[in-house]
Amino acid sequence: MYPRADGTFWVRGPLGVGTLGEVDTLEEAFAPVVDSLPQDCGPAIEGTGRVL
């Protein structure tokens, strides 16, 4: 999510996906992110992001 000069937010997906949309508030920016998650995506967990 990137804030824009006009106060809106630009929401980008992962590399290769591109722009998910532009929204008016930070709260609204989470909807396109959640909508783009895979159907079988599990819950977020705390960790380092490294695979051991």
Protein backbone atom coordinates (compact mmCIF):
# COMPACT_ATOMS: atom_id res chain seq x y z
CA MET A 1 0.00 0.00 0.00
CA TYR A 2 1.44 3.29 -1.02
CA PRO A 3 0.06 6.67 0.07
CA ARG A 4 -0.46 9.12 -2.78
CA ALA A 5 -0.10 12.89 -2.73
CA ASP A 6 -3.87 13.37 -2.97
CA GLY A 7 -4.47 11.34 0.23
CA THR A 8 -5.61 8.15 -1.50
CA PHE A 9 -3.77 4.83 -1.47
CA TRP A 10 -2.38 2.76 -4.31
CA VAL A 11 -2.59 -0.97 -3.58
CA ARG A 12 -0.12 -3.28 -5.33
CA GLY A 13 -0.16 -7.04 -5.43
CA PRO A 14 2.82 -9.37 -5.35
CA LEU A 15 5.48 -9.24 -8.03
CA GLY A 16 3.92 -10.01 -11.38
CA VAL A 17 0.35 -9.22 -10.31
CA GLY A 18 0.43 -5.46 -10.65
CA THR A 19 -1.97 -2.92 -9.23
CA LEU A 20 -4.92 -4.21 -7.20
CA GLY A 21 -6.62 -0.82 -7.08
CA GLU A 22 -6.75 2.68 -5.72
CA VAL A 23 -8.78 3.46 -2.61
CA ASP A 24 -9.66 6.47 -0.48
CA THR A 25 -8.64 5.21 2.97
CA LEU A 26 -6.07 2.91 4.51
CA GLU A 27 -8.87 0.74 5.91
CA GLU A 28 -10.28 0.26 2.39
CA ALA A 29 -6.84 -0.77 1.14
CA PHE A 30 -7.02 -4.12 2.93
CA ALA A 31 -10.06 -5.38 0.96
CA PRO A 32 -8.29 -5.87 -2.40
CA VAL A 33 -5.35 -7.52 -0.62
CA VAL A 34 -7.61 -10.01 1.16
CA ASP A 35 -9.63 -10.60 -2.02
CA SER A 36 -6.46 -11.51 -3.92
CA LEU A 37 -5.33 -14.21 -1.44
CA PRO A 38 -5.50 -17.81 -2.68
CA GLN A 39 -8.64 -19.72 -1.65
CA ASP A 40 -6.60 -22.20 0.44
CA CYS A 41 -4.56 -19.51 2.20
CA GLY A 42 -4.18 -20.27 5.89
CA PRO A 43 -3.89 -17.81 8.76
CA ALA A 44 -0.90 -15.54 9.16
CA ILE A 45 1.66 -16.74 11.66
CA GLU A 46 4.49 -15.01 13.43
CA GLY A 47 7.90 -15.89 12.06
CA THR A 48 10.94 -14.78 10.12
CA GLY A 49 9.78 -15.71 6.63
CA ARG A 50 12.73 -18.09 6.26
CA VAL A 51 12.14 -21.74 5.56
CA LEU A 52 14.27 -23.91 7.81
